[in-house]
Amino acid sequence: MIFDVIEEFRSPFADRIVVSIFGRGFHPDINREGLLKTSSKKLLAKCFSKKWHGKIKWRSSKLSPAQILEHQAESLSKLLSREDKYYPFRMVW
């Protein structure tokens, strides 16, 4: 079930970051086995971390995606306890 919650964040954060750095000319370094080299992994991790901890407008607040994910997990818990409704995360592009 946690993968379903994480899926809400994949497109606006992971996919968007990868597409944007490719659009800026990023060419990943790949080893003989076809896997990313450490330098490329570090760059991707750095770009993701910057986005993940930056504040974005969400509902009536400015929160980091990490904080929003915590809220979504709590909201899912309340849904399962039948205490509240669950509203999926939607990124404003």
N, C-alpha and C. Protein backbone atom coordinates (compact mmCIF):
# COMPACT_ATOMS: atom_id res chain seq x y z
N MET A 1 0.80 -1.18 0.00
CA MET A 1 0.00 0.00 0.00
C MET A 1 0.87 1.27 0.00
N ILE A 2 2.01 1.20 0.64
CA ILE A 2 2.88 2.38 0.67
C ILE A 2 3.35 2.76 -0.72
N PHE A 3 3.50 1.77 -1.60
CA PHE A 3 3.91 2.07 -2.97
C PHE A 3 2.83 2.87 -3.70
N ASP A 4 1.57 2.65 -3.35
CA ASP A 4 0.49 3.42 -3.95
C ASP A 4 0.56 4.88 -3.52
N VAL A 5 0.90 5.13 -2.26
CA VAL A 5 1.03 6.50 -1.78
C VAL A 5 2.24 7.16 -2.44
N ILE A 6 3.34 6.45 -2.52
CA ILE A 6 4.56 6.99 -3.14
C ILE A 6 4.31 7.31 -4.61
N GLU A 7 3.49 6.54 -5.28
CA GLU A 7 3.21 6.74 -6.71
C GLU A 7 2.70 8.15 -6.99
N GLU A 8 1.97 8.73 -6.05
CA GLU A 8 1.48 10.11 -6.23
C GLU A 8 2.63 11.09 -6.40
N PHE A 9 3.78 10.76 -5.88
CA PHE A 9 4.93 11.67 -5.87
C PHE A 9 5.93 11.36 -6.99
N ARG A 10 5.82 10.19 -7.61
CA ARG A 10 6.80 9.79 -8.62
C ARG A 10 6.84 10.74 -9.81
N SER A 11 5.71 10.99 -10.41
CA SER A 11 5.69 11.83 -11.61
C SER A 11 6.14 13.27 -11.35
N PRO A 12 5.57 13.96 -10.35
CA PRO A 12 5.97 15.35 -10.17
C PRO A 12 7.39 15.55 -9.63
N PHE A 13 7.97 14.53 -9.06
CA PHE A 13 9.31 14.71 -8.51
C PHE A 13 10.34 13.88 -9.27
N ALA A 14 10.30 12.58 -9.18
CA ALA A 14 11.33 11.76 -9.82
C ALA A 14 11.32 11.91 -11.35
N ASP A 15 10.18 11.68 -11.98
CA ASP A 15 10.13 11.75 -13.44
C ASP A 15 10.44 13.16 -13.95
N ARG A 16 9.86 14.15 -13.30
CA ARG A 16 10.05 15.53 -13.73
C ARG A 16 11.52 15.94 -13.62
N ILE A 17 12.19 15.51 -12.58
CA ILE A 17 13.61 15.84 -12.40
C ILE A 17 14.45 15.21 -13.50
N VAL A 18 14.21 13.94 -13.78
CA VAL A 18 14.98 13.23 -14.81
C VAL A 18 14.77 13.89 -16.18
N VAL A 19 13.52 14.17 -16.52
CA VAL A 19 13.24 14.79 -17.81
C VAL A 19 13.88 16.17 -17.90
N SER A 20 13.83 16.94 -16.81
CA SER A 20 14.40 18.28 -16.85
C SER A 20 15.92 18.27 -17.00
N ILE A 21 16.61 17.35 -16.34
CA ILE A 21 18.07 17.36 -16.48
C ILE A 21 18.50 16.83 -17.85
N PHE A 22 17.72 15.92 -18.42
CA PHE A 22 18.02 15.49 -19.78
C PHE A 22 17.81 16.65 -20.74
N GLY A 23 16.78 17.45 -20.48
CA GLY A 23 16.52 18.63 -21.31
C GLY A 23 17.61 19.68 -21.24
N ARG A 24 18.38 19.65 -20.16
CA ARG A 24 19.50 20.59 -20.01
C ARG A 24 20.82 19.98 -20.45
N GLY A 25 20.77 18.84 -21.14
CA GLY A 25 21.98 18.27 -21.71
C GLY A 25 22.66 17.19 -20.91
N PHE A 26 22.04 16.68 -19.88
CA PHE A 26 22.65 15.61 -19.08
C PHE A 26 22.79 14.34 -19.91
N HIS A 27 23.97 13.77 -19.87
CA HIS A 27 24.24 12.48 -20.52
C HIS A 27 24.80 11.56 -19.45
N PRO A 28 24.04 10.56 -19.05
CA PRO A 28 24.50 9.70 -17.94
C PRO A 28 25.72 8.87 -18.33
N ASP A 29 26.61 8.71 -17.35
CA ASP A 29 27.75 7.82 -17.52
C ASP A 29 27.30 6.42 -17.16
N ILE A 30 27.54 5.48 -18.07
CA ILE A 30 27.07 4.11 -17.88
C ILE A 30 28.27 3.16 -17.94
N ASN A 31 28.27 2.16 -17.05
CA ASN A 31 29.38 1.21 -17.03
C ASN A 31 29.15 0.08 -18.04
N ARG A 32 30.04 -0.89 -18.06
CA ARG A 32 29.98 -2.00 -19.03
C ARG A 32 28.70 -2.84 -18.89
N GLU A 33 28.18 -2.90 -17.68
CA GLU A 33 26.98 -3.70 -17.43
C GLU A 33 25.69 -2.93 -17.76
N GLY A 34 25.84 -1.68 -18.20
CA GLY A 34 24.68 -0.86 -18.54
C GLY A 34 24.07 -0.14 -17.35
N LEU A 35 24.79 -0.10 -16.23
CA LEU A 35 24.30 0.56 -15.03
C LEU A 35 24.91 1.95 -14.90
N LEU A 36 24.22 2.83 -14.20
CA LEU A 36 24.75 4.17 -13.99
C LEU A 36 26.02 4.14 -13.16
N LYS A 37 26.98 4.96 -13.56
CA LYS A 37 28.19 5.12 -12.76
C LYS A 37 27.87 6.02 -11.56
N THR A 38 28.75 5.97 -10.57
CA THR A 38 28.55 6.71 -9.33
C THR A 38 28.35 8.20 -9.56
N SER A 39 29.08 8.78 -10.48
CA SER A 39 28.97 10.23 -10.74
C SER A 39 27.56 10.60 -11.19
N SER A 40 26.96 9.79 -12.03
CA SER A 40 25.60 10.06 -12.50
C SER A 40 24.58 9.84 -11.39
N LYS A 41 24.81 8.81 -10.58
CA LYS A 41 23.91 8.56 -9.45
C LYS A 41 23.93 9.73 -8.47
N LYS A 42 25.14 10.26 -8.21
CA LYS A 42 25.27 11.39 -7.28
C LYS A 42 24.54 12.63 -7.80
N LEU A 43 24.66 12.89 -9.09
CA LEU A 43 23.99 14.05 -9.67
C LEU A 43 22.47 13.90 -9.56
N LEU A 44 21.96 12.73 -9.89
CA LEU A 44 20.52 12.49 -9.78
C LEU A 44 20.05 12.62 -8.33
N ALA A 45 20.81 12.07 -7.40
CA ALA A 45 20.45 12.15 -5.98
C ALA A 45 20.46 13.59 -5.50
N LYS A 46 21.45 14.37 -5.93
CA LYS A 46 21.55 15.77 -5.54
C LYS A 46 20.35 16.56 -6.06
N CYS A 47 19.98 16.36 -7.31
CA CYS A 47 18.83 17.05 -7.90
C CYS A 47 17.54 16.67 -7.18
N PHE A 48 17.38 15.38 -6.90
CA PHE A 48 16.19 14.93 -6.21
C PHE A 48 16.12 15.50 -4.80
N SER A 49 17.21 15.45 -4.08
CA SER A 49 17.24 15.94 -2.70
C SER A 49 16.89 17.42 -2.63
N LYS A 50 17.41 18.19 -3.56
CA LYS A 50 17.12 19.63 -3.60
C LYS A 50 15.61 19.85 -3.76
N LYS A 51 14.99 19.14 -4.67
CA LYS A 51 13.56 19.27 -4.92
C LYS A 51 12.74 18.74 -3.75
N TRP A 52 13.17 17.63 -3.17
CA TRP A 52 12.41 16.94 -2.12
C TRP A 52 12.35 17.76 -0.83
N HIS A 53 13.37 18.56 -0.57
CA HIS A 53 13.40 19.33 0.67
C HIS A 53 13.01 20.79 0.49
N GLY A 54 12.80 21.22 -0.75
CA GLY A 54 12.36 22.58 -1.01
C GLY A 54 10.87 22.73 -0.73
N LYS A 55 10.44 23.93 -0.42
CA LYS A 55 9.03 24.17 -0.10
C LYS A 55 8.24 24.42 -1.38
N ILE A 56 7.02 23.87 -1.42
CA ILE A 56 6.10 24.11 -2.52
C ILE A 56 4.74 24.48 -1.94
N LYS A 57 3.94 25.16 -2.74
CA LYS A 57 2.61 25.51 -2.29
C LYS A 57 1.72 24.27 -2.36
N TRP A 58 1.07 23.97 -1.27
CA TRP A 58 0.17 22.81 -1.21
C TRP A 58 -0.99 23.17 -0.30
N ARG A 59 -2.17 23.10 -0.90
CA ARG A 59 -3.38 23.52 -0.20
C ARG A 59 -3.18 24.95 0.28
N SER A 60 -3.20 25.24 1.54
CA SER A 60 -3.04 26.63 1.99
C SER A 60 -1.69 26.86 2.68
N SER A 61 -0.74 25.98 2.44
CA SER A 61 0.56 26.06 3.12
C SER A 61 1.71 25.95 2.13
N LYS A 62 2.90 26.19 2.64
CA LYS A 62 4.13 25.91 1.90
C LYS A 62 4.86 24.84 2.68
N LEU A 63 4.96 23.67 2.08
CA LEU A 63 5.59 22.51 2.73
C LEU A 63 6.56 21.85 1.77
N SER A 64 7.47 21.07 2.31
CA SER A 64 8.35 20.27 1.47
C SER A 64 7.58 19.01 1.06
N PRO A 65 7.96 18.41 -0.07
CA PRO A 65 7.32 17.15 -0.45
C PRO A 65 7.44 16.08 0.65
N ALA A 66 8.55 16.09 1.38
CA ALA A 66 8.71 15.13 2.48
C ALA A 66 7.63 15.33 3.54
N GLN A 67 7.31 16.60 3.85
CA GLN A 67 6.26 16.88 4.82
C GLN A 67 4.88 16.50 4.28
N ILE A 68 4.68 16.74 2.99
CA ILE A 68 3.40 16.38 2.37
C ILE A 68 3.22 14.86 2.40
N LEU A 69 4.29 14.13 2.13
CA LEU A 69 4.21 12.67 2.17
C LEU A 69 3.83 12.19 3.57
N GLU A 70 4.39 12.81 4.60
CA GLU A 70 4.01 12.45 5.97
C GLU A 70 2.53 12.70 6.19
N HIS A 71 2.05 13.83 5.70
CA HIS A 71 0.62 14.15 5.83
C HIS A 71 -0.23 13.11 5.10
N GLN A 72 0.19 12.72 3.92
CA GLN A 72 -0.56 11.73 3.14
C GLN A 72 -0.59 10.37 3.85
N ALA A 73 0.50 9.99 4.47
CA ALA A 73 0.54 8.72 5.21
C ALA A 73 -0.42 8.78 6.40
N GLU A 74 -0.43 9.90 7.09
CA GLU A 74 -1.37 10.06 8.21
C GLU A 74 -2.81 10.06 7.72
N SER A 75 -3.05 10.70 6.60
CA SER A 75 -4.38 10.74 6.03
C SER A 75 -4.86 9.34 5.62
N LEU A 76 -3.94 8.55 5.07
CA LEU A 76 -4.27 7.18 4.70
C LEU A 76 -4.62 6.37 5.94
N SER A 77 -3.88 6.57 7.01
CA SER A 77 -4.16 5.89 8.27
C SER A 77 -5.56 6.23 8.77
N LYS A 78 -5.92 7.50 8.67
CA LYS A 78 -7.26 7.92 9.10
C LYS A 78 -8.34 7.32 8.21
N LEU A 79 -8.06 7.20 6.93
CA LEU A 79 -9.01 6.57 6.02
C LEU A 79 -9.26 5.12 6.42
N LEU A 80 -8.17 4.41 6.70
CA LEU A 80 -8.29 3.00 7.08
C LEU A 80 -9.02 2.82 8.41
N SER A 81 -8.93 3.83 9.28
CA SER A 81 -9.64 3.80 10.56
C SER A 81 -11.06 4.36 10.44
N ARG A 82 -11.39 4.76 9.21
CA ARG A 82 -12.70 5.37 8.91
C ARG A 82 -12.95 6.65 9.69
N GLU A 83 -11.88 7.39 9.94
CA GLU A 83 -11.98 8.67 10.66
C GLU A 83 -12.09 9.85 9.70
N ASP A 84 -11.62 9.69 8.48
CA ASP A 84 -11.57 10.82 7.55
C ASP A 84 -11.48 10.31 6.12
N LYS A 85 -11.55 11.22 5.16
CA LYS A 85 -11.41 10.89 3.75
C LYS A 85 -9.95 11.04 3.34
N TYR A 86 -9.61 10.46 2.20
CA TYR A 86 -8.26 10.56 1.66
C TYR A 86 -8.31 11.32 0.35
N TYR A 87 -7.50 12.36 0.24
CA TYR A 87 -7.41 13.14 -0.99
C TYR A 87 -6.00 12.99 -1.53
N PRO A 88 -5.86 12.49 -2.75
CA PRO A 88 -4.52 12.28 -3.30
C PRO A 88 -3.76 13.58 -3.52
N PHE A 89 -2.45 13.48 -3.49
CA PHE A 89 -1.58 14.62 -3.76
C PHE A 89 -1.67 14.96 -5.23
N ARG A 90 -1.85 16.22 -5.53
CA ARG A 90 -1.86 16.70 -6.92
C ARG A 90 -0.91 17.88 -7.01
N MET A 91 0.05 17.76 -7.88
CA MET A 91 1.04 18.83 -8.06
C MET A 91 0.47 19.89 -8.99
N VAL A 92 0.63 21.15 -8.61
CA VAL A 92 0.26 22.25 -9.48
C VAL A 92 1.46 22.54 -10.35
N TRP A 93 1.31 22.37 -11.64
CA TRP A 93 2.43 22.58 -12.57
C TRP A 93 2.44 24.02 -12.92
